[in-house]
Amino acid sequence: MRTSGAFVLGAIMGAAVVWLWGGQLEEYVQEKTRGVRTKAADGIRAVEETAGQVLDRGGEALHRADDFLQDTKEHVSEPLRAAQEAIRPAPAATKA
C-alpha cells in the first residue's frame, strides 16, 4: 500500500508544480532549447536542398538514359527487321 500512496502523492505534487510553475517552466525550456531548435531547422532546410539537387540530377540522368534507349531502339529495330526478312524462307508453293 505504501508504493501506491507514494505514487498518488507524487502525481498530486507533479500536478501542483505544473499548475503553479508550468508557464515559467515552458519559457525556461524554450529559452534553453532555442539554439538547438534553430540548428535543427537549418539542418532540415539543408537536407531539403540537397535532396532536391540529388533528385534533379537523377531526373536529368533518367531523361538522358531514356533518350539513349530510344535512339538505340531505333538503330536496332530496322537491321533486325531486315535480318528477319533475309532469313525467312519463301512461302511454300501450294499444289493445286
PDB file of N, CA and C in Angstrom:
ATOM      1  N   MET A   1       0.820  -1.186   0.000  1.00  0.00           N
ATOM      2  CA  MET A   1       0.000   0.000   0.000  1.00  0.00           C
ATOM      3  C   MET A   1       0.863   1.248   0.000  1.00  0.00           C
ATOM      4  N   ARG A   2       2.041   1.129   0.565  1.00  0.00           N
ATOM      5  CA  ARG A   2       2.936   2.274   0.674  1.00  0.00           C
ATOM      6  C   ARG A   2       3.361   2.776  -0.709  1.00  0.00           C
ATOM      7  N   THR A   3       3.610   1.880  -1.676  1.00  0.00           N
ATOM      8  CA  THR A   3       4.039   2.255  -3.021  1.00  0.00           C
ATOM      9  C   THR A   3       2.936   3.010  -3.747  1.00  0.00           C
ATOM     10  N   SER A   4       1.709   2.537  -3.635  1.00  0.00           N
ATOM     11  CA  SER A   4       0.608   3.219  -4.317  1.00  0.00           C
ATOM     12  C   SER A   4       0.346   4.585  -3.690  1.00  0.00           C
ATOM     13  N   GLY A   5       0.521   4.711  -2.387  1.00  0.00           N
ATOM     14  CA  GLY A   5       0.354   6.010  -1.728  1.00  0.00           C
ATOM     15  C   GLY A   5       1.418   6.990  -2.175  1.00  0.00           C
ATOM     16  N   ALA A   6       2.654   6.521  -2.308  1.00  0.00           N
ATOM     17  CA  ALA A   6       3.738   7.380  -2.775  1.00  0.00           C
ATOM     18  C   ALA A   6       3.500   7.807  -4.213  1.00  0.00           C
ATOM     19  N   PHE A   7       2.965   6.901  -5.019  1.00  0.00           N
ATOM     20  CA  PHE A   7       2.659   7.233  -6.414  1.00  0.00           C
ATOM     21  C   PHE A   7       1.588   8.320  -6.484  1.00  0.00           C
ATOM     22  N   VAL A   8       0.528   8.182  -5.717  1.00  0.00           N
ATOM     23  CA  VAL A   8      -0.552   9.165  -5.713  1.00  0.00           C
ATOM     24  C   VAL A   8      -0.031  10.512  -5.222  1.00  0.00           C
ATOM     25  N   LEU A   9       0.761  10.513  -4.164  1.00  0.00           N
ATOM     26  CA  LEU A   9       1.333  11.755  -3.637  1.00  0.00           C
ATOM     27  C   LEU A   9       2.239  12.407  -4.685  1.00  0.00           C
ATOM     28  N   GLY A  10       3.045  11.617  -5.380  1.00  0.00           N
ATOM     29  CA  GLY A  10       3.913  12.149  -6.441  1.00  0.00           C
ATOM     30  C   GLY A  10       3.111  12.736  -7.581  1.00  0.00           C
ATOM     31  N   ALA A  11       2.010  12.088  -7.949  1.00  0.00           N
ATOM     32  CA  ALA A  11       1.157  12.598  -9.018  1.00  0.00           C
ATOM     33  C   ALA A  11       0.522  13.923  -8.618  1.00  0.00           C
ATOM     34  N   ILE A  12       0.065  14.017  -7.379  1.00  0.00           N
ATOM     35  CA  ILE A  12      -0.535  15.264  -6.890  1.00  0.00           C
ATOM     36  C   ILE A  12       0.508  16.379  -6.858  1.00  0.00           C
ATOM     37  N   MET A  13       1.704  16.097  -6.365  1.00  0.00           N
ATOM     38  CA  MET A  13       2.772  17.100  -6.303  1.00  0.00           C
ATOM     39  C   MET A  13       3.181  17.538  -7.709  1.00  0.00           C
ATOM     40  N   GLY A  14       3.277  16.599  -8.638  1.00  0.00           N
ATOM     41  CA  GLY A  14       3.624  16.936 -10.017  1.00  0.00           C
ATOM     42  C   GLY A  14       2.574  17.830 -10.651  1.00  0.00           C
ATOM     43  N   ALA A  15       1.315  17.526 -10.415  1.00  0.00           N
ATOM     44  CA  ALA A  15       0.231  18.354 -10.949  1.00  0.00           C
ATOM     45  C   ALA A  15       0.289  19.757 -10.354  1.00  0.00           C
ATOM     46  N   ALA A  16       0.594  19.858  -9.057  1.00  0.00           N
ATOM     47  CA  ALA A  16       0.688  21.170  -8.409  1.00  0.00           C
ATOM     48  C   ALA A  16       1.842  21.986  -8.986  1.00  0.00           C
ATOM     49  N   VAL A  17       2.980  21.352  -9.217  1.00  0.00           N
ATOM     50  CA  VAL A  17       4.134  22.055  -9.785  1.00  0.00           C
ATOM     51  C   VAL A  17       3.799  22.571 -11.177  1.00  0.00           C
ATOM     52  N   VAL A  18       3.163  21.741 -11.991  1.00  0.00           N
ATOM     53  CA  VAL A  18       2.792  22.157 -13.342  1.00  0.00           C
ATOM     54  C   VAL A  18       1.772  23.292 -13.282  1.00  0.00           C
ATOM     55  N   TRP A  19       0.815  23.201 -12.370  1.00  0.00           N
ATOM     56  CA  TRP A  19      -0.209  24.225 -12.248  1.00  0.00           C
ATOM     57  C   TRP A  19       0.385  25.559 -11.783  1.00  0.00           C
ATOM     58  N   LEU A  20       1.300  25.501 -10.824  1.00  0.00           N
ATOM     59  CA  LEU A  20       1.867  26.734 -10.270  1.00  0.00           C
ATOM     60  C   LEU A  20       2.955  27.331 -11.156  1.00  0.00           C
ATOM     61  N   TRP A  21       3.851  26.496 -11.657  1.00  0.00           N
ATOM     62  CA  TRP A  21       5.025  26.998 -12.366  1.00  0.00           C
ATOM     63  C   TRP A  21       5.123  26.514 -13.808  1.00  0.00           C
ATOM     64  N   GLY A  22       4.042  26.013 -14.356  1.00  0.00           N
ATOM     65  CA  GLY A  22       4.055  25.460 -15.720  1.00  0.00           C
ATOM     66  C   GLY A  22       4.488  26.470 -16.763  1.00  0.00           C
ATOM     67  N   GLY A  23       3.952  27.691 -16.692  1.00  0.00           N
ATOM     68  CA  GLY A  23       4.322  28.730 -17.660  1.00  0.00           C
ATOM     69  C   GLY A  23       5.794  29.078 -17.586  1.00  0.00           C
ATOM     70  N   GLN A  24       6.307  29.196 -16.368  1.00  0.00           N
ATOM     71  CA  GLN A  24       7.730  29.515 -16.191  1.00  0.00           C
ATOM     72  C   GLN A  24       8.613  28.376 -16.693  1.00  0.00           C
ATOM     73  N   LEU A  25       8.194  27.155 -16.428  1.00  0.00           N
ATOM     74  CA  LEU A  25       8.965  26.003 -16.916  1.00  0.00           C
ATOM     75  C   LEU A  25       8.984  25.973 -18.446  1.00  0.00           C
ATOM     76  N   GLU A  26       7.850  26.258 -19.072  1.00  0.00           N
ATOM     77  CA  GLU A  26       7.783  26.263 -20.530  1.00  0.00           C
ATOM     78  C   GLU A  26       8.691  27.342 -21.121  1.00  0.00           C
ATOM     79  N   GLU A  27       8.654  28.541 -20.547  1.00  0.00           N
ATOM     80  CA  GLU A  27       9.533  29.621 -21.020  1.00  0.00           C
ATOM     81  C   GLU A  27      11.002  29.242 -20.860  1.00  0.00           C
ATOM     82  N   TYR A  28      11.351  28.639 -19.723  1.00  0.00           N
ATOM     83  CA  TYR A  28      12.737  28.225 -19.469  1.00  0.00           C
ATOM     84  C   TYR A  28      13.201  27.206 -20.513  1.00  0.00           C
ATOM     85  N   VAL A  29      12.367  26.219 -20.775  1.00  0.00           N
ATOM     86  CA  VAL A  29      12.725  25.175 -21.737  1.00  0.00           C
ATOM     87  C   VAL A  29      12.861  25.770 -23.138  1.00  0.00           C
ATOM     88  N   GLN A  30      11.927  26.652 -23.514  1.00  0.00           N
ATOM     89  CA  GLN A  30      12.016  27.275 -24.832  1.00  0.00           C
ATOM     90  C   GLN A  30      13.281  28.112 -24.967  1.00  0.00           C
ATOM     91  N   GLU A  31      13.627  28.847 -23.936  1.00  0.00           N
ATOM     92  CA  GLU A  31      14.839  29.679 -23.972  1.00  0.00           C
ATOM     93  C   GLU A  31      16.100  28.831 -24.071  1.00  0.00           C
ATOM     94  N   LYS A  32      16.149  27.757 -23.328  1.00  0.00           N
ATOM     95  CA  LYS A  32      17.352  26.914 -23.308  1.00  0.00           C
ATOM     96  C   LYS A  32      17.503  26.071 -24.567  1.00  0.00           C
ATOM     97  N   THR A  33      16.409  25.799 -25.257  1.00  0.00           N
ATOM     98  CA  THR A  33      16.496  24.941 -26.449  1.00  0.00           C
ATOM     99  C   THR A  33      16.437  25.736 -27.743  1.00  0.00           C
ATOM    100  N   ARG A  34      16.400  27.059 -27.673  1.00  0.00           N
ATOM    101  CA  ARG A  34      16.287  27.891 -28.867  1.00  0.00           C
ATOM    102  C   ARG A  34      17.408  27.607 -29.866  1.00  0.00           C
ATOM    103  N   GLY A  35      18.638  27.551 -29.417  1.00  0.00           N
ATOM    104  CA  GLY A  35      19.782  27.298 -30.308  1.00  0.00           C
ATOM    105  C   GLY A  35      19.705  25.930 -30.973  1.00  0.00           C
ATOM    106  N   VAL A  36      19.337  24.939 -30.194  1.00  0.00           N
ATOM    107  CA  VAL A  36      19.237  23.580 -30.728  1.00  0.00           C
ATOM    108  C   VAL A  36      18.131  23.501 -31.771  1.00  0.00           C
ATOM    109  N   ARG A  37      16.993  24.135 -31.493  1.00  0.00           N
ATOM    110  CA  ARG A  37      15.889  24.112 -32.445  1.00  0.00           C
ATOM    111  C   ARG A  37      16.246  24.858 -33.725  1.00  0.00           C
ATOM    112  N   THR A  38      16.998  25.964 -33.588  1.00  0.00           N
ATOM    113  CA  THR A  38      17.427  26.717 -34.765  1.00  0.00           C
ATOM    114  C   THR A  38      18.355  25.875 -35.632  1.00  0.00           C
ATOM    115  N   LYS A  39      19.316  25.202 -34.992  1.00  0.00           N
ATOM    116  CA  LYS A  39      20.239  24.338 -35.735  1.00  0.00           C
ATOM    117  C   LYS A  39      19.489  23.185 -36.400  1.00  0.00           C
ATOM    118  N   ALA A  40      18.515  22.623 -35.709  1.00  0.00           N
ATOM    119  CA  ALA A  40      17.738  21.520 -36.289  1.00  0.00           C
ATOM    120  C   ALA A  40      16.952  22.004 -37.507  1.00  0.00           C
ATOM    121  N   ALA A  41      16.355  23.185 -37.404  1.00  0.00           N
ATOM    122  CA  ALA A  41      15.595  23.730 -38.541  1.00  0.00           C
ATOM    123  C   ALA A  41      16.523  24.008 -39.727  1.00  0.00           C
ATOM    124  N   ASP A  42      17.718  24.551 -39.446  1.00  0.00           N
ATOM    125  CA  ASP A  42      18.693  24.791 -40.521  1.00  0.00           C
ATOM    126  C   ASP A  42      19.139  23.475 -41.157  1.00  0.00           C
ATOM    127  N   GLY A  43      19.323  22.457 -40.324  1.00  0.00           N
ATOM    128  CA  GLY A  43      19.711  21.146 -40.845  1.00  0.00           C
ATOM    129  C   GLY A  43      18.643  20.548 -41.740  1.00  0.00           C
ATOM    130  N   ILE A  44      17.393  20.707 -41.350  1.00  0.00           N
ATOM    131  CA  ILE A  44      16.293  20.185 -42.170  1.00  0.00           C
ATOM    132  C   ILE A  44      16.246  20.917 -43.507  1.00  0.00           C
ATOM    133  N   ARG A  45      16.457  22.236 -43.489  1.00  0.00           N
ATOM    134  CA  ARG A  45      16.468  23.007 -44.733  1.00  0.00           C
ATOM    135  C   ARG A  45      17.604  22.541 -45.639  1.00  0.00           C
ATOM    136  N   ALA A  46      18.785  22.296 -45.049  1.00  0.00           N
ATOM    137  CA  ALA A  46      19.922  21.827 -45.848  1.00  0.00           C
ATOM    138  C   ALA A  46      19.634  20.461 -46.465  1.00  0.00           C
ATOM    139  N   VAL A  47      18.999  19.585 -45.710  1.00  0.00           N
ATOM    140  CA  VAL A  47      18.639  18.258 -46.242  1.00  0.00           C
ATOM    141  C   VAL A  47      17.655  18.409 -47.392  1.00  0.00           C
ATOM    142  N   GLU A  48      16.696  19.308 -47.236  1.00  0.00           N
ATOM    143  CA  GLU A  48      15.715  19.528 -48.300  1.00  0.00           C
ATOM    144  C   GLU A  48      16.393  20.019 -49.577  1.00  0.00           C
ATOM    145  N   GLU A  49      17.307  20.970 -49.446  1.00  0.00           N
ATOM    146  CA  GLU A  49      18.007  21.495 -50.620  1.00  0.00           C
ATOM    147  C   GLU A  49      18.849  20.413 -51.295  1.00  0.00           C
ATOM    148  N   THR A  50      19.574  19.648 -50.492  1.00  0.00           N
ATOM    149  CA  THR A  50      20.428  18.595 -51.044  1.00  0.00           C
ATOM    150  C   THR A  50      19.588  17.514 -51.715  1.00  0.00           C
ATOM    151  N   ALA A  51      18.495  17.125 -51.077  1.00  0.00           N
ATOM    152  CA  ALA A  51      17.621  16.109 -51.674  1.00  0.00           C
ATOM    153  C   ALA A  51      17.055  16.609 -52.999  1.00  0.00           C
ATOM    154  N   GLY A  52      16.684  17.877 -53.052  1.00  0.00           N
ATOM    155  CA  GLY A  52      16.180  18.437 -54.301  1.00  0.00           C
ATOM    156  C   GLY A  52      17.216  18.394 -55.403  1.00  0.00           C
ATOM    157  N   GLN A  53      18.460  18.730 -55.066  1.00  0.00           N
ATOM    158  CA  GLN A  53      19.532  18.693 -56.065  1.00  0.00           C
ATOM    159  C   GLN A  53      19.783  17.274 -56.553  1.00  0.00           C
ATOM    160  N   VAL A  54      19.817  16.339 -55.631  1.00  0.00           N
ATOM    161  CA  VAL A  54      20.049  14.936 -56.000  1.00  0.00           C
ATOM    162  C   VAL A  54      18.924  14.429 -56.898  1.00  0.00           C
ATOM    163  N   LEU A  55      17.692  14.740 -56.537  1.00  0.00           N
ATOM    164  CA  LEU A  55      16.560  14.277 -57.344  1.00  0.00           C
ATOM    165  C   LEU A  55      16.549  14.944 -58.717  1.00  0.00           C
ATOM    166  N   ASP A  56      16.950  16.218 -58.782  1.00  0.00           N
ATOM    167  CA  ASP A  56      17.038  16.879 -60.087  1.00  0.00           C
ATOM    168  C   ASP A  56      18.072  16.197 -60.971  1.00  0.00           C
ATOM    169  N   ARG A  57      19.248  15.901 -60.388  1.00  0.00           N
ATOM    170  CA  ARG A  57      20.280  15.212 -61.168  1.00  0.00           C
ATOM    171  C   ARG A  57      19.816  13.833 -61.590  1.00  0.00           C
ATOM    172  N   GLY A  58      19.120  13.141 -60.701  1.00  0.00           N
ATOM    173  CA  GLY A  58      18.595  11.819 -61.041  1.00  0.00           C
ATOM    174  C   GLY A  58      17.593  11.895 -62.177  1.00  0.00           C
ATOM    175  N   GLY A  59      16.739  12.926 -62.149  1.00  0.00           N
ATOM    176  CA  GLY A  59      15.768  13.108 -63.231  1.00  0.00           C
ATOM    177  C   GLY A  59      16.444  13.385 -64.554  1.00  0.00           C
ATOM    178  N   GLU A  60      17.497  14.208 -64.523  1.00  0.00           N
ATOM    179  CA  GLU A  60      18.242  14.503 -65.752  1.00  0.00           C
ATOM    180  C   GLU A  60      18.906  13.230 -66.291  1.00  0.00           C
ATOM    181  N   ALA A  61      19.482  12.439 -65.390  1.00  0.00           N
ATOM    182  CA  ALA A  61      20.130  11.195 -65.814  1.00  0.00           C
ATOM    183  C   ALA A  61      19.111  10.237 -66.416  1.00  0.00           C
ATOM    184  N   LEU A  62      17.944  10.152 -65.813  1.00  0.00           N
ATOM    185  CA  LEU A  62      16.904   9.271 -66.358  1.00  0.00           C
ATOM    186  C   LEU A  62      16.442   9.752 -67.727  1.00  0.00           C
ATOM    187  N   HIS A  63      16.347  11.063 -67.903  1.00  0.00           N
ATOM    188  CA  HIS A  63      15.949  11.606 -69.213  1.00  0.00           C
ATOM    189  C   HIS A  63      16.991  11.263 -70.274  1.00  0.00           C
ATOM    190  N   ARG A  64      18.271  11.423 -69.928  1.00  0.00           N
ATOM    191  CA  ARG A  64      19.340  11.079 -70.879  1.00  0.00           C
ATOM    192  C   ARG A  64      19.313   9.581 -71.181  1.00  0.00           C
ATOM    193  N   ALA A  65      19.104   8.754 -70.176  1.00  0.00           N
ATOM    194  CA  ALA A  65      19.047   7.307 -70.388  1.00  0.00           C
ATOM    195  C   ALA A  65      17.864   6.947 -71.287  1.00  0.00           C
ATOM    196  N   ASP A  66      16.728   7.604 -71.076  1.00  0.00           N
ATOM    197  CA  ASP A  66      15.565   7.347 -71.922  1.00  0.00           C
ATOM    198  C   ASP A  66      15.854   7.735 -73.368  1.00  0.00           C
ATOM    199  N   ASP A  67      16.478   8.898 -73.573  1.00  0.00           N
ATOM    200  CA  ASP A  67      16.848   9.312 -74.927  1.00  0.00           C
ATOM    201  C   ASP A  67      17.783   8.296 -75.578  1.00  0.00           C
ATOM    202  N   PHE A  68      18.770   7.828 -74.802  1.00  0.00           N
ATOM    203  CA  PHE A  68      19.723   6.846 -75.315  1.00  0.00           C
ATOM    204  C   PHE A  68      19.003   5.560 -75.711  1.00  0.00           C
ATOM    205  N   LEU A  69      18.098   5.105 -74.865  1.00  0.00           N
ATOM    206  CA  LEU A  69      17.376   3.866 -75.159  1.00  0.00           C
ATOM    207  C   LEU A  69      16.493   4.012 -76.399  1.00  0.00           C
ATOM    208  N   GLN A  70      15.857   5.152 -76.551  1.00  0.00           N
ATOM    209  CA  GLN A  70      15.022   5.368 -77.737  1.00  0.00           C
ATOM    210  C   GLN A  70      15.871   5.374 -79.008  1.00  0.00           C
ATOM    211  N   ASP A  71      17.030   6.047 -78.954  1.00  0.00           N
ATOM    212  CA  ASP A  71      17.931   6.059 -80.117  1.00  0.00           C
ATOM    213  C   ASP A  71      18.411   4.652 -80.445  1.00  0.00           C
ATOM    214  N   THR A  72      18.780   3.912 -79.404  1.00  0.00           N
ATOM    215  CA  THR A  72      19.269   2.548 -79.608  1.00  0.00           C
ATOM    216  C   THR A  72      18.168   1.678 -80.206  1.00  0.00           C
ATOM    217  N   LYS A  73      16.958   1.838 -79.711  1.00  0.00           N
ATOM    218  CA  LYS A  73      15.833   1.059 -80.225  1.00  0.00           C
ATOM    219  C   LYS A  73      15.631   1.331 -81.709  1.00  0.00           C
ATOM    220  N   GLU A  74      15.699   2.607 -82.088  1.00  0.00           N
ATOM    221  CA  GLU A  74      15.531   2.961 -83.490  1.00  0.00           C
ATOM    222  C   GLU A  74      16.646   2.375 -84.351  1.00  0.00           C
ATOM    223  N   HIS A  75      17.885   2.390 -83.861  1.00  0.00           N
ATOM    224  CA  HIS A  75      19.014   1.880 -84.640  1.00  0.00           C
ATOM    225  C   HIS A  75      19.017   0.361 -84.736  1.00  0.00           C
ATOM    226  N   VAL A  76      18.462  -0.309 -83.746  1.00  0.00           N
ATOM    227  CA  VAL A  76      18.484  -1.769 -83.729  1.00  0.00           C
ATOM    228  C   VAL A  76      17.279  -2.365 -84.457  1.00  0.00           C
ATOM    229  N   SER A  77      16.150  -1.715 -84.371  1.00  0.00           N
ATOM    230  CA  SER A  77      14.919  -2.284 -84.929  1.00  0.00           C
ATOM    231  C   SER A  77      15.002  -2.513 -86.433  1.00  0.00           C
ATOM    232  N   GLU A  78      15.457  -1.534 -87.162  1.00  0.00           N
ATOM    233  CA  GLU A  78      15.495  -1.664 -88.627  1.00  0.00           C
ATOM    234  C   GLU A  78      16.422  -2.790 -89.081  1.00  0.00           C
ATOM    235  N   PRO A  79      17.668  -2.884 -88.601  1.00  0.00           N
ATOM    236  CA  PRO A  79      18.520  -4.014 -89.015  1.00  0.00           C
ATOM    237  C   PRO A  79      17.947  -5.370 -88.612  1.00  0.00           C
ATOM    238  N   LEU A  80      17.280  -5.423 -87.461  1.00  0.00           N
ATOM    239  CA  LEU A  80      16.683  -6.685 -87.048  1.00  0.00           C
ATOM    240  C   LEU A  80      15.546  -7.091 -87.975  1.00  0.00           C
ATOM    241  N   ARG A  81      14.725  -6.125 -88.385  1.00  0.00           N
ATOM    242  CA  ARG A  81      13.661  -6.435 -89.337  1.00  0.00           C
ATOM    243  C   ARG A  81      14.242  -6.905 -90.667  1.00  0.00           C
ATOM    244  N   ALA A  82      15.326  -6.259 -91.121  1.00  0.00           N
ATOM    245  CA  ALA A  82      15.965  -6.658 -92.379  1.00  0.00           C
ATOM    246  C   ALA A  82      16.537  -8.071 -92.258  1.00  0.00           C
ATOM    247  N   ALA A  83      17.150  -8.385 -91.141  1.00  0.00           N
ATOM    248  CA  ALA A  83      17.705  -9.727 -90.929  1.00  0.00           C
ATOM    249  C   ALA A  83      16.589 -10.761 -90.889  1.00  0.00           C
ATOM    250  N   GLN A  84      15.497 -10.398 -90.265  1.00  0.00           N
ATOM    251  CA  GLN A  84      14.359 -11.300 -90.186  1.00  0.00           C
ATOM    252  C   GLN A  84      13.832 -11.627 -91.586  1.00  0.00           C
ATOM    253  N   GLU A  85      13.719 -10.627 -92.429  1.00  0.00           N
ATOM    254  CA  GLU A  85      13.240 -10.846 -93.799  1.00  0.00           C
ATOM    255  C   GLU A  85      14.255 -11.642 -94.618  1.00  0.00           C
ATOM    256  N   ALA A  86      15.551 -11.420 -94.341  1.00  0.00           N
ATOM    257  CA  ALA A  86      16.588 -12.112 -95.112  1.00  0.00           C
ATOM    258  C   ALA A  86      16.606 -13.607 -94.819  1.00  0.00           C
ATOM    259  N   ILE A  87      16.329 -13.982 -93.595  1.00  0.00           N
ATOM    260  CA  ILE A  87      16.420 -15.411 -93.256  1.00  0.00           C
ATOM    261  C   ILE A  87      15.080 -16.123 -93.328  1.00  0.00           C
ATOM    262  N   ARG A  88      13.995 -15.390 -93.504  1.00  0.00           N
ATOM    263  CA  ARG A  88      12.677 -16.022 -93.570  1.00  0.00           C
ATOM    264  C   ARG A  88      12.594 -16.827 -94.874  1.00  0.00           C
ATOM    265  N   PRO A  89      12.191 -18.086 -94.796  1.00  0.00           N
ATOM    266  CA  PRO A  89      12.064 -18.884 -96.018  1.00  0.00           C
ATOM    267  C   PRO A  89      10.901 -18.375 -96.868  1.00  0.00           C
ATOM    268  N   ALA A  90      11.054 -18.589 -98.120  1.00  0.00           N
ATOM    269  CA  ALA A  90       9.981 -18.200 -99.048  1.00  0.00           C
ATOM    270  C   ALA A  90       8.766 -19.056 -98.777  1.00  0.00           C
ATOM    271  N   PRO A  91       7.613 -18.513 -99.035  1.00  0.00           N
ATOM    272  CA  PRO A  91       6.401 -19.322 -98.803  1.00  0.00           C
ATOM    273  C   PRO A  91       6.442 -20.577 -99.684  1.00  0.00           C
ATOM    274  N   ALA A  92       5.990 -21.643 -99.130  1.00  0.00           N
ATOM    275  CA  ALA A  92       5.947 -22.908 -99.859  1.00  0.00           C
ATOM    276  C   ALA A  92       4.885 -22.827-100.957  1.00  0.00           C
ATOM    277  N   ALA A  93       5.237 -23.388-102.066  1.00  0.00           N
ATOM    278  CA  ALA A  93       4.287 -23.397-103.180  1.00  0.00           C
ATOM    279  C   ALA A  93       3.167 -24.367-102.843  1.00  0.00           C
ATOM    280  N   THR A  94       1.982 -23.974-103.124  1.00  0.00           N
ATOM    281  CA  THR A  94       0.859 -24.854-102.837  1.00  0.00           C
ATOM    282  C   THR A  94       0.541 -25.678-104.072  1.00  0.00           C
ATOM    283  N   LYS A  95       0.245 -26.923-103.894  1.00  0.00           N
ATOM    284  CA  LYS A  95      -0.087 -27.821-105.010  1.00  0.00           C
ATOM    285  C   LYS A  95      -1.577 -27.704-105.281  1.00  0.00           C
ATOM    286  N   ALA A  96      -1.876 -27.419-106.474  1.00  0.00           N
ATOM    287  CA  ALA A  96      -3.286 -27.282-106.854  1.00  0.00           C
ATOM    288  C   ALA A  96      -3.773 -28.488-107.572  1.00  0.00           C
TER     289      ALA A  96
END
